[in-house]
C-alpha cells in the first residue's frame, strides 16, 4: 500500500497590478499627470480597502515625500479614478496600497504595487 500525505499550504493572495494610467485633462496615457485633474487607473486587484493609514493611491516623487490622493471617485477592483493632488513639477511613480484580497477578507498588513512607468508633472 502507498501512503498519501497531505500538507497545508497558504493561499496565494492576488497582487494589485496597474495596466494603464490615463490623465483625464491631457488625455495622455502612461505619460503625464495634471495637478488638480483626474487620474484613471486600470488593472487588477486595485480596490483600496482596509483601515491602515498607508492604504490609498500615492504619488511618489523622485525626491521628497509621497503625496496621497485625498479624493477617490471610483474604487473598484479593475479601476481607480481619483483627483490628482497639487504636485510640484517633476517625475512621479504611482503606488496603490491596499489590504483587499478580492475575497471579502482583509489582509492584516497592506500590500503595495508601483506602476513601472514614470509619469511627469510639467
PDB file of N, CA and C in Angstrom:
ATOM      1  N   UNK A   1       0.837  -1.190   0.000  1.00  0.00           N
ATOM      2  CA  UNK A   1       0.000   0.000   0.000  1.00  0.00           C
ATOM      3  C   UNK A   1       0.874   1.242   0.000  1.00  0.00           C
ATOM      4  N   UNK A   2       0.411   2.246  -0.701  1.00  0.00           N
ATOM      5  CA  UNK A   2       1.144   3.519  -0.684  1.00  0.00           C
ATOM      6  C   UNK A   2       0.488   4.463   0.306  1.00  0.00           C
ATOM      7  N   UNK A   3       1.299   5.339   0.819  1.00  0.00           N
ATOM      8  CA  UNK A   3       0.815   6.279   1.830  1.00  0.00           C
ATOM      9  C   UNK A   3       0.675   7.672   1.203  1.00  0.00           C
ATOM     10  N   UNK A   4      -0.470   8.277   1.391  1.00  0.00           N
ATOM     11  CA  UNK A   4      -0.707   9.617   0.861  1.00  0.00           C
ATOM     12  C   UNK A   4      -0.595  10.605   2.013  1.00  0.00           C
ATOM     13  N   UNK A   5       0.207  11.648   1.787  1.00  0.00           N
ATOM     14  CA  UNK A   5       0.365  12.685   2.811  1.00  0.00           C
ATOM     15  C   UNK A   5      -0.206  14.000   2.289  1.00  0.00           C
ATOM     16  N   UNK A   6      -0.868  14.677   3.185  1.00  0.00           N
ATOM     17  CA  UNK A   6      -1.428  15.971   2.839  1.00  0.00           C
ATOM     18  C   UNK A   6      -0.669  17.055   3.592  1.00  0.00           C
ATOM     19  N   UNK A   7      -0.431  18.159   2.929  1.00  0.00           N
ATOM     20  CA  UNK A   7       0.258  19.282   3.574  1.00  0.00           C
ATOM     21  C   UNK A   7      -0.575  20.537   3.387  1.00  0.00           C
ATOM     22  N   UNK A   8      -0.704  21.287   4.456  1.00  0.00           N
ATOM     23  CA  UNK A   8      -1.440  22.541   4.399  1.00  0.00           C
ATOM     24  C   UNK A   8      -0.575  23.593   3.717  1.00  0.00           C
ATOM     25  N   UNK A   9      -1.170  24.291   2.784  1.00  0.00           N
ATOM     26  CA  UNK A   9      -0.461  25.370   2.103  1.00  0.00           C
ATOM     27  C   UNK A   9      -1.264  26.650   2.251  1.00  0.00           C
ATOM     28  N   UNK A  10      -0.583  27.767   2.165  1.00  0.00           N
ATOM     29  CA  UNK A  10      -1.258  29.060   2.224  1.00  0.00           C
ATOM     30  C   UNK A  10      -1.765  29.422   0.838  1.00  0.00           C
ATOM     31  N   UNK A  11      -2.923  30.045   0.815  1.00  0.00           N
ATOM     32  CA  UNK A  11      -3.475  30.518  -0.457  1.00  0.00           C
ATOM     33  C   UNK A  11      -2.651  31.702  -0.952  1.00  0.00           C
ATOM     34  N   UNK A  12      -2.530  31.805  -2.250  1.00  0.00           N
ATOM     35  CA  UNK A  12      -1.806  32.920  -2.839  1.00  0.00           C
ATOM     36  C   UNK A  12      -2.747  34.122  -2.876  1.00  0.00           C
ATOM     37  N   UNK A  13      -2.314  35.226  -2.293  1.00  0.00           N
ATOM     38  CA  UNK A  13      -3.116  36.443  -2.293  1.00  0.00           C
ATOM     39  C   UNK A  13      -2.867  37.187  -3.601  1.00  0.00           C
ATOM     40  N   UNK A  14      -3.924  37.509  -4.346  1.00  0.00           N
ATOM     41  CA  UNK A  14      -3.733  38.223  -5.603  1.00  0.00           C
ATOM     42  C   UNK A  14      -3.083  39.588  -5.364  1.00  0.00           C
ATOM     43  N   UNK A  15      -2.075  39.898  -6.144  1.00  0.00           N
ATOM     44  CA  UNK A  15      -1.379  41.168  -6.019  1.00  0.00           C
ATOM     45  C   UNK A  15      -2.035  42.212  -6.918  1.00  0.00           C
ATOM     46  N   UNK A  16      -2.050  43.466  -6.455  1.00  0.00           N
ATOM     47  CA  UNK A  16      -2.544  44.521  -7.336  1.00  0.00           C
ATOM     48  C   UNK A  16      -1.632  44.652  -8.553  1.00  0.00           C
ATOM     49  N   UNK A  17      -2.198  45.029  -9.666  1.00  0.00           N
ATOM     50  CA  UNK A  17      -1.386  45.350 -10.845  1.00  0.00           C
ATOM     51  C   UNK A  17      -2.069  46.459 -11.624  1.00  0.00           C
ATOM     52  N   UNK A  18      -1.249  47.374 -12.113  1.00  0.00           N
ATOM     53  CA  UNK A  18      -1.744  48.506 -12.903  1.00  0.00           C
ATOM     54  C   UNK A  18      -1.317  48.279 -14.343  1.00  0.00           C
ATOM     55  N   UNK A  19      -2.287  48.294 -15.253  1.00  0.00           N
ATOM     56  CA  UNK A  19      -2.013  48.071 -16.662  1.00  0.00           C
ATOM     57  C   UNK A  19      -1.880  49.397 -17.404  1.00  0.00           C
ATOM     58  N   UNK A  20      -2.718  50.370 -17.024  1.00  0.00           N
ATOM     59  CA  UNK A  20      -2.741  51.647 -17.744  1.00  0.00           C
ATOM     60  C   UNK A  20      -3.117  52.779 -16.805  1.00  0.00           C
ATOM     61  N   UNK A  21      -2.465  53.926 -17.012  1.00  0.00           N
ATOM     62  CA  UNK A  21      -2.769  55.143 -16.257  1.00  0.00           C
ATOM     63  C   UNK A  21      -3.088  56.238 -17.266  1.00  0.00           C
ATOM     64  N   UNK A  22      -4.237  56.890 -17.076  1.00  0.00           N
ATOM     65  CA  UNK A  22      -4.650  57.952 -18.009  1.00  0.00           C
ATOM     66  C   UNK A  22      -4.910  59.239 -17.244  1.00  0.00           C
ATOM     67  N   UNK A  23      -4.362  60.326 -17.780  1.00  0.00           N
ATOM     68  CA  UNK A  23      -4.621  61.664 -17.251  1.00  0.00           C
ATOM     69  C   UNK A  23      -5.817  62.229 -18.012  1.00  0.00           C
ATOM     70  N   UNK A  24      -6.943  62.432 -17.317  1.00  0.00           N
ATOM     71  CA  UNK A  24      -8.181  62.831 -17.993  1.00  0.00           C
ATOM     72  C   UNK A  24      -8.106  64.234 -18.592  1.00  0.00           C
ATOM     73  N   UNK A  25      -7.309  65.120 -18.005  1.00  0.00           N
ATOM     74  CA  UNK A  25      -7.220  66.500 -18.512  1.00  0.00           C
ATOM     75  C   UNK A  25      -6.476  66.547 -19.844  1.00  0.00           C
ATOM     76  N   UNK A  26      -5.302  65.932 -19.903  1.00  0.00           N
ATOM     77  CA  UNK A  26      -4.490  65.973 -21.126  1.00  0.00           C
ATOM     78  C   UNK A  26      -4.869  64.860 -22.099  1.00  0.00           C
ATOM     79  N   UNK A  27      -5.498  63.813 -21.582  1.00  0.00           N
ATOM     80  CA  UNK A  27      -5.808  62.657 -22.414  1.00  0.00           C
ATOM     81  C   UNK A  27      -4.618  61.728 -22.596  1.00  0.00           C
ATOM     82  N   UNK A  28      -3.498  62.057 -21.974  1.00  0.00           N
ATOM     83  CA  UNK A  28      -2.277  61.261 -22.126  1.00  0.00           C
ATOM     84  C   UNK A  28      -2.392  59.937 -21.367  1.00  0.00           C
ATOM     85  N   UNK A  29      -1.825  58.900 -21.944  1.00  0.00           N
ATOM     86  CA  UNK A  29      -1.809  57.578 -21.325  1.00  0.00           C
ATOM     87  C   UNK A  29      -0.381  57.218 -20.949  1.00  0.00           C
ATOM     88  N   UNK A  30      -0.191  56.818 -19.690  1.00  0.00           N
ATOM     89  CA  UNK A  30       1.108  56.373 -19.173  1.00  0.00           C
ATOM     90  C   UNK A  30       2.215  57.405 -19.377  1.00  0.00           C
ATOM     91  N   UNK A  31       1.882  58.704 -19.212  1.00  0.00           N
ATOM     92  CA  UNK A  31       2.870  59.733 -19.533  1.00  0.00           C
ATOM     93  C   UNK A  31       2.824  60.944 -18.600  1.00  0.00           C
ATOM     94  N   UNK A  32       1.684  61.651 -18.556  1.00  0.00           N
ATOM     95  CA  UNK A  32       1.588  62.956 -17.902  1.00  0.00           C
ATOM     96  C   UNK A  32       0.576  62.926 -16.760  1.00  0.00           C
ATOM     97  N   UNK A  33       0.840  63.735 -15.720  1.00  0.00           N
ATOM     98  CA  UNK A  33      -0.124  63.978 -14.642  1.00  0.00           C
ATOM     99  C   UNK A  33      -0.423  65.465 -14.610  1.00  0.00           C
ATOM    100  N   UNK A  34      -1.703  65.827 -14.485  1.00  0.00           N
ATOM    101  CA  UNK A  34      -2.108  67.224 -14.381  1.00  0.00           C
ATOM    102  C   UNK A  34      -2.620  67.471 -12.967  1.00  0.00           C
ATOM    103  N   UNK A  35      -1.855  68.220 -12.139  1.00  0.00           N
ATOM    104  CA  UNK A  35      -2.316  68.507 -10.771  1.00  0.00           C
ATOM    105  C   UNK A  35      -3.697  69.153 -10.781  1.00  0.00           C
ATOM    106  N   UNK A  36      -4.570  68.689  -9.892  1.00  0.00           N
ATOM    107  CA  UNK A  36      -5.939  69.190  -9.836  1.00  0.00           C
ATOM    108  C   UNK A  36      -6.864  68.486 -10.808  1.00  0.00           C
ATOM    109  N   UNK A  37      -6.311  67.645 -11.669  1.00  0.00           N
ATOM    110  CA  UNK A  37      -7.100  66.915 -12.650  1.00  0.00           C
ATOM    111  C   UNK A  37      -7.517  65.552 -12.115  1.00  0.00           C
ATOM    112  N   UNK A  38      -7.880  64.683 -13.032  1.00  0.00           N
ATOM    113  CA  UNK A  38      -8.363  63.356 -12.671  1.00  0.00           C
ATOM    114  C   UNK A  38      -7.445  62.300 -13.279  1.00  0.00           C
ATOM    115  N   UNK A  39      -7.093  61.318 -12.458  1.00  0.00           N
ATOM    116  CA  UNK A  39      -6.293  60.187 -12.917  1.00  0.00           C
ATOM    117  C   UNK A  39      -7.183  58.953 -12.953  1.00  0.00           C
ATOM    118  N   UNK A  40      -7.020  58.154 -14.012  1.00  0.00           N
ATOM    119  CA  UNK A  40      -7.766  56.909 -14.158  1.00  0.00           C
ATOM    120  C   UNK A  40      -6.751  55.778 -14.254  1.00  0.00           C
ATOM    121  N   UNK A  41      -6.920  54.753 -13.414  1.00  0.00           N
ATOM    122  CA  UNK A  41      -6.045  53.592 -13.434  1.00  0.00           C
ATOM    123  C   UNK A  41      -6.872  52.361 -13.761  1.00  0.00           C
ATOM    124  N   UNK A  42      -6.357  51.514 -14.655  1.00  0.00           N
ATOM    125  CA  UNK A  42      -6.989  50.245 -14.971  1.00  0.00           C
ATOM    126  C   UNK A  42      -6.010  49.135 -14.644  1.00  0.00           C
ATOM    127  N   UNK A  43      -6.545  48.020 -14.171  1.00  0.00           N
ATOM    128  CA  UNK A  43      -5.694  46.891 -13.839  1.00  0.00           C
ATOM    129  C   UNK A  43      -6.483  45.813 -13.127  1.00  0.00           C
ATOM    130  N   UNK A  44      -5.838  45.188 -12.138  1.00  0.00           N
ATOM    131  CA  UNK A  44      -6.468  44.101 -11.387  1.00  0.00           C
ATOM    132  C   UNK A  44      -6.165  44.252  -9.906  1.00  0.00           C
ATOM    133  N   UNK A  45      -7.135  43.920  -9.085  1.00  0.00           N
ATOM    134  CA  UNK A  45      -6.986  43.952  -7.618  1.00  0.00           C
ATOM    135  C   UNK A  45      -6.576  45.330  -7.098  1.00  0.00           C
ATOM    136  N   UNK A  46      -7.141  46.369  -7.696  1.00  0.00           N
ATOM    137  CA  UNK A  46      -6.780  47.744  -7.339  1.00  0.00           C
ATOM    138  C   UNK A  46      -7.613  48.326  -6.198  1.00  0.00           C
ATOM    139  N   UNK A  47      -8.735  47.712  -5.875  1.00  0.00           N
ATOM    140  CA  UNK A  47      -9.638  48.291  -4.875  1.00  0.00           C
ATOM    141  C   UNK A  47      -8.911  48.565  -3.558  1.00  0.00           C
ATOM    142  N   UNK A  48      -9.046  49.808  -3.087  1.00  0.00           N
ATOM    143  CA  UNK A  48      -8.430  50.216  -1.829  1.00  0.00           C
ATOM    144  C   UNK A  48      -9.385  49.861  -0.697  1.00  0.00           C
ATOM    145  N   UNK A  49      -8.926  49.017   0.226  1.00  0.00           N
ATOM    146  CA  UNK A  49      -9.773  48.572   1.333  1.00  0.00           C
ATOM    147  C   UNK A  49      -8.917  48.411   2.580  1.00  0.00           C
ATOM    148  N   UNK A  50      -9.568  48.547   3.724  1.00  0.00           N
ATOM    149  CA  UNK A  50      -8.871  48.410   4.996  1.00  0.00           C
ATOM    150  C   UNK A  50      -8.692  49.760   5.667  1.00  0.00           C
ATOM    151  N   UNK A  51      -8.389  49.725   6.973  1.00  0.00           N
ATOM    152  CA  UNK A  51      -8.298  50.978   7.726  1.00  0.00           C
ATOM    153  C   UNK A  51      -6.873  51.387   8.063  1.00  0.00           C
ATOM    154  N   UNK A  52      -5.878  50.759   7.458  1.00  0.00           N
ATOM    155  CA  UNK A  52      -4.493  51.143   7.691  1.00  0.00           C
ATOM    156  C   UNK A  52      -4.225  52.498   7.036  1.00  0.00           C
ATOM    157  N   UNK A  53      -3.520  53.371   7.744  1.00  0.00           N
ATOM    158  CA  UNK A  53      -3.214  54.720   7.229  1.00  0.00           C
ATOM    159  C   UNK A  53      -2.432  54.690   5.920  1.00  0.00           C
ATOM    160  N   UNK A  54      -1.692  53.620   5.691  1.00  0.00           N
ATOM    161  CA  UNK A  54      -0.873  53.521   4.473  1.00  0.00           C
ATOM    162  C   UNK A  54      -1.713  53.240   3.230  1.00  0.00           C
ATOM    163  N   UNK A  55      -2.937  52.749   3.403  1.00  0.00           N
ATOM    164  CA  UNK A  55      -3.787  52.411   2.262  1.00  0.00           C
ATOM    165  C   UNK A  55      -4.136  53.655   1.465  1.00  0.00           C
ATOM    166  N   UNK A  56      -4.129  53.512   0.144  1.00  0.00           N
ATOM    167  CA  UNK A  56      -4.537  54.617  -0.707  1.00  0.00           C
ATOM    168  C   UNK A  56      -3.796  54.615  -2.024  1.00  0.00           C
ATOM    169  N   UNK A  57      -4.033  55.677  -2.783  1.00  0.00           N
ATOM    170  CA  UNK A  57      -3.348  55.925  -4.050  1.00  0.00           C
ATOM    171  C   UNK A  57      -2.315  57.000  -3.779  1.00  0.00           C
ATOM    172  N   UNK A  58      -1.068  56.695  -4.035  1.00  0.00           N
ATOM    173  CA  UNK A  58       0.041  57.584  -3.693  1.00  0.00           C
ATOM    174  C   UNK A  58       0.790  58.032  -4.935  1.00  0.00           C
ATOM    175  N   UNK A  59       1.227  59.280  -4.925  1.00  0.00           N
ATOM    176  CA  UNK A  59       2.072  59.846  -5.968  1.00  0.00           C
ATOM    177  C   UNK A  59       3.450  60.021  -5.342  1.00  0.00           C
ATOM    178  N   UNK A  60       4.434  59.298  -5.872  1.00  0.00           N
ATOM    179  CA  UNK A  60       5.749  59.234  -5.254  1.00  0.00           C
ATOM    180  C   UNK A  60       6.760  59.965  -6.132  1.00  0.00           C
ATOM    181  N   UNK A  61       7.284  61.119  -5.642  1.00  0.00           N
ATOM    182  CA  UNK A  61       8.276  61.858  -6.433  1.00  0.00           C
ATOM    183  C   UNK A  61       9.647  61.184  -6.364  1.00  0.00           C
ATOM    184  N   UNK A  62      10.534  61.557  -7.288  1.00  0.00           N
ATOM    185  CA  UNK A  62      11.886  61.010  -7.269  1.00  0.00           C
ATOM    186  C   UNK A  62      12.599  61.387  -5.971  1.00  0.00           C
ATOM    187  N   UNK A  63      12.339  62.596  -5.499  1.00  0.00           N
ATOM    188  CA  UNK A  63      12.884  63.030  -4.210  1.00  0.00           C
ATOM    189  C   UNK A  63      11.758  63.672  -3.413  1.00  0.00           C
ATOM    190  N   UNK A  64      11.768  63.497  -2.122  1.00  0.00           N
ATOM    191  CA  UNK A  64      10.729  64.079  -1.281  1.00  0.00           C
ATOM    192  C   UNK A  64       9.698  63.049  -0.860  1.00  0.00           C
ATOM    193  N   UNK A  65       8.674  63.549  -0.188  1.00  0.00           N
ATOM    194  CA  UNK A  65       7.654  62.676   0.390  1.00  0.00           C
ATOM    195  C   UNK A  65       6.532  62.366  -0.590  1.00  0.00           C
ATOM    196  N   UNK A  66       5.995  61.163  -0.481  1.00  0.00           N
ATOM    197  CA  UNK A  66       4.851  60.753  -1.294  1.00  0.00           C
ATOM    198  C   UNK A  66       3.620  61.549  -0.879  1.00  0.00           C
ATOM    199  N   UNK A  67       2.733  61.782  -1.847  1.00  0.00           N
ATOM    200  CA  UNK A  67       1.500  62.535  -1.618  1.00  0.00           C
ATOM    201  C   UNK A  67       0.314  61.612  -1.903  1.00  0.00           C
ATOM    202  N   UNK A  68      -0.607  61.549  -0.947  1.00  0.00           N
ATOM    203  CA  UNK A  68      -1.770  60.672  -1.069  1.00  0.00           C
ATOM    204  C   UNK A  68      -2.923  61.398  -1.762  1.00  0.00           C
ATOM    205  N   UNK A  69      -3.637  60.695  -2.644  1.00  0.00           N
ATOM    206  CA  UNK A  69      -4.853  61.238  -3.250  1.00  0.00           C
ATOM    207  C   UNK A  69      -5.925  61.260  -2.175  1.00  0.00           C
ATOM    208  N   UNK A  70      -6.437  62.439  -1.859  1.00  0.00           N
ATOM    209  CA  UNK A  70      -7.448  62.580  -0.810  1.00  0.00           C
ATOM    210  C   UNK A  70      -8.850  62.259  -1.297  1.00  0.00           C
ATOM    211  N   UNK A  71      -9.072  62.411  -2.619  1.00  0.00           N
ATOM    212  CA  UNK A  71     -10.398  62.166  -3.184  1.00  0.00           C
ATOM    213  C   UNK A  71     -10.321  61.015  -4.187  1.00  0.00           C
ATOM    214  N   UNK A  72     -10.930  59.885  -3.830  1.00  0.00           N
ATOM    215  CA  UNK A  72     -11.034  58.739  -4.731  1.00  0.00           C
ATOM    216  C   UNK A  72     -12.484  58.687  -5.197  1.00  0.00           C
ATOM    217  N   UNK A  73     -12.685  58.818  -6.493  1.00  0.00           N
ATOM    218  CA  UNK A  73     -14.022  58.907  -7.069  1.00  0.00           C
ATOM    219  C   UNK A  73     -14.607  57.520  -7.328  1.00  0.00           C
ATOM    220  N   UNK A  74     -13.809  56.642  -7.930  1.00  0.00           N
ATOM    221  CA  UNK A  74     -14.223  55.269  -8.216  1.00  0.00           C
ATOM    222  C   UNK A  74     -13.193  54.332  -7.605  1.00  0.00           C
ATOM    223  N   UNK A  75     -13.667  53.345  -6.841  1.00  0.00           N
ATOM    224  CA  UNK A  75     -12.784  52.419  -6.138  1.00  0.00           C
ATOM    225  C   UNK A  75     -13.277  50.994  -6.413  1.00  0.00           C
ATOM    226  N   UNK A  76     -12.834  50.439  -7.557  1.00  0.00           N
ATOM    227  CA  UNK A  76     -13.250  49.096  -7.975  1.00  0.00           C
ATOM    228  C   UNK A  76     -12.017  48.222  -8.151  1.00  0.00           C
ATOM    229  N   UNK A  77     -12.199  46.908  -8.143  1.00  0.00           N
ATOM    230  CA  UNK A  77     -11.042  46.032  -8.340  1.00  0.00           C
ATOM    231  C   UNK A  77     -10.294  46.274  -9.652  1.00  0.00           C
ATOM    232  N   UNK A  78     -11.009  46.641 -10.709  1.00  0.00           N
ATOM    233  CA  UNK A  78     -10.357  46.817 -12.010  1.00  0.00           C
ATOM    234  C   UNK A  78     -10.118  48.278 -12.386  1.00  0.00           C
ATOM    235  N   UNK A  79     -10.604  49.227 -11.569  1.00  0.00           N
ATOM    236  CA  UNK A  79     -10.464  50.644 -11.930  1.00  0.00           C
ATOM    237  C   UNK A  79     -10.450  51.533 -10.691  1.00  0.00           C
ATOM    238  N   UNK A  80      -9.502  52.471 -10.705  1.00  0.00           N
ATOM    239  CA  UNK A  80      -9.476  53.544  -9.707  1.00  0.00           C
ATOM    240  C   UNK A  80      -9.539  54.863 -10.458  1.00  0.00           C
ATOM    241  N   UNK A  81     -10.358  55.770  -9.967  1.00  0.00           N
ATOM    242  CA  UNK A  81     -10.404  57.126 -10.501  1.00  0.00           C
ATOM    243  C   UNK A  81     -10.280  58.056  -9.307  1.00  0.00           C
ATOM    244  N   UNK A  82      -9.353  59.016  -9.404  1.00  0.00           N
ATOM    245  CA  UNK A  82      -9.109  59.907  -8.272  1.00  0.00           C
ATOM    246  C   UNK A  82      -8.697  61.287  -8.755  1.00  0.00           C
ATOM    247  N   UNK A  83      -8.829  62.254  -7.850  1.00  0.00           N
ATOM    248  CA  UNK A  83      -8.336  63.599  -8.111  1.00  0.00           C
ATOM    249  C   UNK A  83      -6.826  63.613  -7.869  1.00  0.00           C
ATOM    250  N   UNK A  84      -6.094  64.228  -8.766  1.00  0.00           N
ATOM    251  CA  UNK A  84      -4.649  64.354  -8.609  1.00  0.00           C
ATOM    252  C   UNK A  84      -4.389  65.537  -7.678  1.00  0.00           C
ATOM    253  N   UNK A  85      -3.670  65.326  -6.590  1.00  0.00           N
ATOM    254  CA  UNK A  85      -3.403  66.437  -5.662  1.00  0.00           C
ATOM    255  C   UNK A  85      -2.458  67.467  -6.276  1.00  0.00           C
ATOM    256  N   UNK A  86      -2.260  68.579  -5.569  1.00  0.00           N
ATOM    257  CA  UNK A  86      -1.315  69.607  -6.006  1.00  0.00           C
ATOM    258  C   UNK A  86       0.092  69.009  -5.921  1.00  0.00           C
ATOM    259  N   UNK A  87       0.705  68.790  -7.064  1.00  0.00           N
ATOM    260  CA  UNK A  87       2.042  68.200  -7.128  1.00  0.00           C
ATOM    261  C   UNK A  87       3.007  69.182  -7.775  1.00  0.00           C
ATOM    262  N   UNK A  88       4.220  69.227  -7.264  1.00  0.00           N
ATOM    263  CA  UNK A  88       5.257  70.056  -7.874  1.00  0.00           C
ATOM    264  C   UNK A  88       5.706  69.403  -9.180  1.00  0.00           C
ATOM    265  N   UNK A  89       6.280  70.208 -10.076  1.00  0.00           N
ATOM    266  CA  UNK A  89       6.800  69.669 -11.330  1.00  0.00           C
ATOM    267  C   UNK A  89       7.865  68.621 -11.031  1.00  0.00           C
ATOM    268  N   UNK A  90       7.901  67.576 -11.844  1.00  0.00           N
ATOM    269  CA  UNK A  90       8.896  66.529 -11.665  1.00  0.00           C
ATOM    270  C   UNK A  90       8.384  65.176 -12.114  1.00  0.00           C
ATOM    271  N   UNK A  91       9.173  64.160 -11.830  1.00  0.00           N
ATOM    272  CA  UNK A  91       8.840  62.786 -12.205  1.00  0.00           C
ATOM    273  C   UNK A  91       8.254  62.047 -11.011  1.00  0.00           C
ATOM    274  N   UNK A  92       7.212  61.272 -11.275  1.00  0.00           N
ATOM    275  CA  UNK A  92       6.498  60.550 -10.219  1.00  0.00           C
ATOM    276  C   UNK A  92       6.229  59.109 -10.636  1.00  0.00           C
ATOM    277  N   UNK A  93       6.093  58.254  -9.633  1.00  0.00           N
ATOM    278  CA  UNK A  93       5.515  56.935  -9.854  1.00  0.00           C
ATOM    279  C   UNK A  93       4.205  56.900  -9.070  1.00  0.00           C
ATOM    280  N   UNK A  94       3.316  56.008  -9.466  1.00  0.00           N
ATOM    281  CA  UNK A  94       2.024  55.859  -8.811  1.00  0.00           C
ATOM    282  C   UNK A  94       2.038  54.530  -8.051  1.00  0.00           C
ATOM    283  N   UNK A  95       1.594  54.571  -6.784  1.00  0.00           N
ATOM    284  CA  UNK A  95       1.592  53.375  -5.944  1.00  0.00           C
ATOM    285  C   UNK A  95       0.199  53.175  -5.357  1.00  0.00           C
ATOM    286  N   UNK A  96      -0.311  51.951  -5.437  1.00  0.00           N
ATOM    287  CA  UNK A  96      -1.578  51.583  -4.815  1.00  0.00           C
ATOM    288  C   UNK A  96      -1.250  50.711  -3.600  1.00  0.00           C
ATOM    289  N   UNK A  97      -1.805  51.088  -2.441  1.00  0.00           N
ATOM    290  CA  UNK A  97      -1.611  50.323  -1.210  1.00  0.00           C
ATOM    291  C   UNK A  97      -2.989  49.905  -0.701  1.00  0.00           C
ATOM    292  N   UNK A  98      -3.157  48.605  -0.428  1.00  0.00           N
ATOM    293  CA  UNK A  98      -4.464  48.099  -0.023  1.00  0.00           C
ATOM    294  C   UNK A  98      -4.326  46.848   0.844  1.00  0.00           C
ATOM    295  N   UNK A  99      -5.376  46.559   1.577  1.00  0.00           N
ATOM    296  CA  UNK A  99      -5.482  45.316   2.330  1.00  0.00           C
ATOM    297  C   UNK A  99      -6.490  44.371   1.679  1.00  0.00           C
ATOM    298  N   UNK A 100      -6.998  44.758   0.518  1.00  0.00           N
ATOM    299  CA  UNK A 100      -8.009  43.984  -0.190  1.00  0.00           C
ATOM    300  C   UNK A 100      -7.426  42.673  -0.707  1.00  0.00           C
ATOM    301  N   UNK A 101      -8.190  41.596  -0.600  1.00  0.00           N
ATOM    302  CA  UNK A 101      -7.774  40.304  -1.144  1.00  0.00           C
ATOM    303  C   UNK A 101      -8.631  39.892  -2.332  1.00  0.00           C
ATOM    304  N   UNK A 102      -9.721  40.598  -2.545  1.00  0.00           N
ATOM    305  CA  UNK A 102     -10.633  40.228  -3.609  1.00  0.00           C
ATOM    306  C   UNK A 102     -11.662  39.196  -3.161  1.00  0.00           C
ATOM    307  N   UNK A 103     -11.488  38.658  -1.956  1.00  0.00           N
ATOM    308  CA  UNK A 103     -12.402  37.632  -1.473  1.00  0.00           C
ATOM    309  C   UNK A 103     -13.222  38.072  -0.281  1.00  0.00           C
ATOM    310  N   UNK A 104     -13.210  39.374   0.024  1.00  0.00           N
ATOM    311  CA  UNK A 104     -14.005  39.883   1.133  1.00  0.00           C
ATOM    312  C   UNK A 104     -13.288  39.865   2.471  1.00  0.00           C
ATOM    313  N   UNK A 105     -12.149  39.196   2.552  1.00  0.00           N
ATOM    314  CA  UNK A 105     -11.361  39.159   3.782  1.00  0.00           C
ATOM    315  C   UNK A 105     -10.175  40.109   3.609  1.00  0.00           C
ATOM    316  N   UNK A 106      -9.931  40.949   4.606  1.00  0.00           N
ATOM    317  CA  UNK A 106      -8.822  41.898   4.513  1.00  0.00           C
ATOM    318  C   UNK A 106      -7.521  41.276   5.007  1.00  0.00           C
ATOM    319  N   UNK A 107      -6.435  41.678   4.376  1.00  0.00           N
ATOM    320  CA  UNK A 107      -5.122  41.272   4.848  1.00  0.00           C
ATOM    321  C   UNK A 107      -4.809  41.985   6.153  1.00  0.00           C
ATOM    322  N   UNK A 108      -3.984  41.379   6.996  1.00  0.00           N
ATOM    323  CA  UNK A 108      -3.593  42.022   8.255  1.00  0.00           C
ATOM    324  C   UNK A 108      -2.689  43.213   7.997  1.00  0.00           C
ATOM    325  N   UNK A 109      -1.814  43.089   7.017  1.00  0.00           N
ATOM    326  CA  UNK A 109      -0.918  44.195   6.669  1.00  0.00           C
ATOM    327  C   UNK A 109      -1.117  44.557   5.203  1.00  0.00           C
ATOM    328  N   UNK A 110      -1.022  45.834   4.872  1.00  0.00           N
ATOM    329  CA  UNK A 110      -1.229  46.260   3.485  1.00  0.00           C
ATOM    330  C   UNK A 110      -0.143  45.729   2.549  1.00  0.00           C
ATOM    331  N   UNK A 111      -0.489  45.647   1.290  1.00  0.00           N
ATOM    332  CA  UNK A 111       0.482  45.342   0.247  1.00  0.00           C
ATOM    333  C   UNK A 111       0.409  46.448  -0.786  1.00  0.00           C
ATOM    334  N   UNK A 112       1.488  46.638  -1.516  1.00  0.00           N
ATOM    335  CA  UNK A 112       1.505  47.742  -2.459  1.00  0.00           C
ATOM    336  C   UNK A 112       2.004  47.297  -3.824  1.00  0.00           C
ATOM    337  N   UNK A 113       1.640  48.100  -4.815  1.00  0.00           N
ATOM    338  CA  UNK A 113       2.088  47.883  -6.182  1.00  0.00           C
ATOM    339  C   UNK A 113       2.464  49.232  -6.765  1.00  0.00           C
ATOM    340  N   UNK A 114       3.617  49.300  -7.379  1.00  0.00           N
ATOM    341  CA  UNK A 114       4.083  50.532  -8.020  1.00  0.00           C
ATOM    342  C   UNK A 114       4.027  50.344  -9.531  1.00  0.00           C
ATOM    343  N   UNK A 115       3.356  51.277 -10.201  1.00  0.00           N
ATOM    344  CA  UNK A 115       3.296  51.256 -11.669  1.00  0.00           C
ATOM    345  C   UNK A 115       4.701  51.482 -12.190  1.00  0.00           C
ATOM    346  N   UNK A 116       5.134  50.646 -13.155  1.00  0.00           N
ATOM    347  CA  UNK A 116       6.534  50.641 -13.576  1.00  0.00           C
ATOM    348  C   UNK A 116       6.954  51.856 -14.407  1.00  0.00           C
ATOM    349  N   UNK A 117       6.009  52.595 -14.925  1.00  0.00           N
ATOM    350  CA  UNK A 117       6.368  53.756 -15.758  1.00  0.00           C
ATOM    351  C   UNK A 117       6.415  55.036 -14.924  1.00  0.00           C
ATOM    352  N   UNK A 118       7.318  55.916 -15.310  1.00  0.00           N
ATOM    353  CA  UNK A 118       7.435  57.221 -14.664  1.00  0.00           C
ATOM    354  C   UNK A 118       6.469  58.179 -15.340  1.00  0.00           C
ATOM    355  N   UNK A 119       5.742  58.944 -14.517  1.00  0.00           N
ATOM    356  CA  UNK A 119       4.781  59.935 -15.024  1.00  0.00           C
ATOM    357  C   UNK A 119       5.329  61.325 -14.716  1.00  0.00           C
ATOM    358  N   UNK A 120       5.046  62.289 -15.586  1.00  0.00           N
ATOM    359  CA  UNK A 120       5.653  63.612 -15.491  1.00  0.00           C
ATOM    360  C   UNK A 120       4.609  64.682 -15.175  1.00  0.00           C
ATOM    361  N   UNK A 121       4.932  65.525 -14.184  1.00  0.00           N
ATOM    362  CA  UNK A 121       4.170  66.752 -13.918  1.00  0.00           C
ATOM    363  C   UNK A 121       4.999  67.879 -14.484  1.00  0.00           C
ATOM    364  N   UNK A 122       4.424  68.637 -15.411  1.00  0.00           N
ATOM    365  CA  UNK A 122       5.179  69.734 -16.056  1.00  0.00           C
ATOM    366  C   UNK A 122       4.878  71.054 -15.406  1.00  0.00           C
TER     367      UNK A 122
END
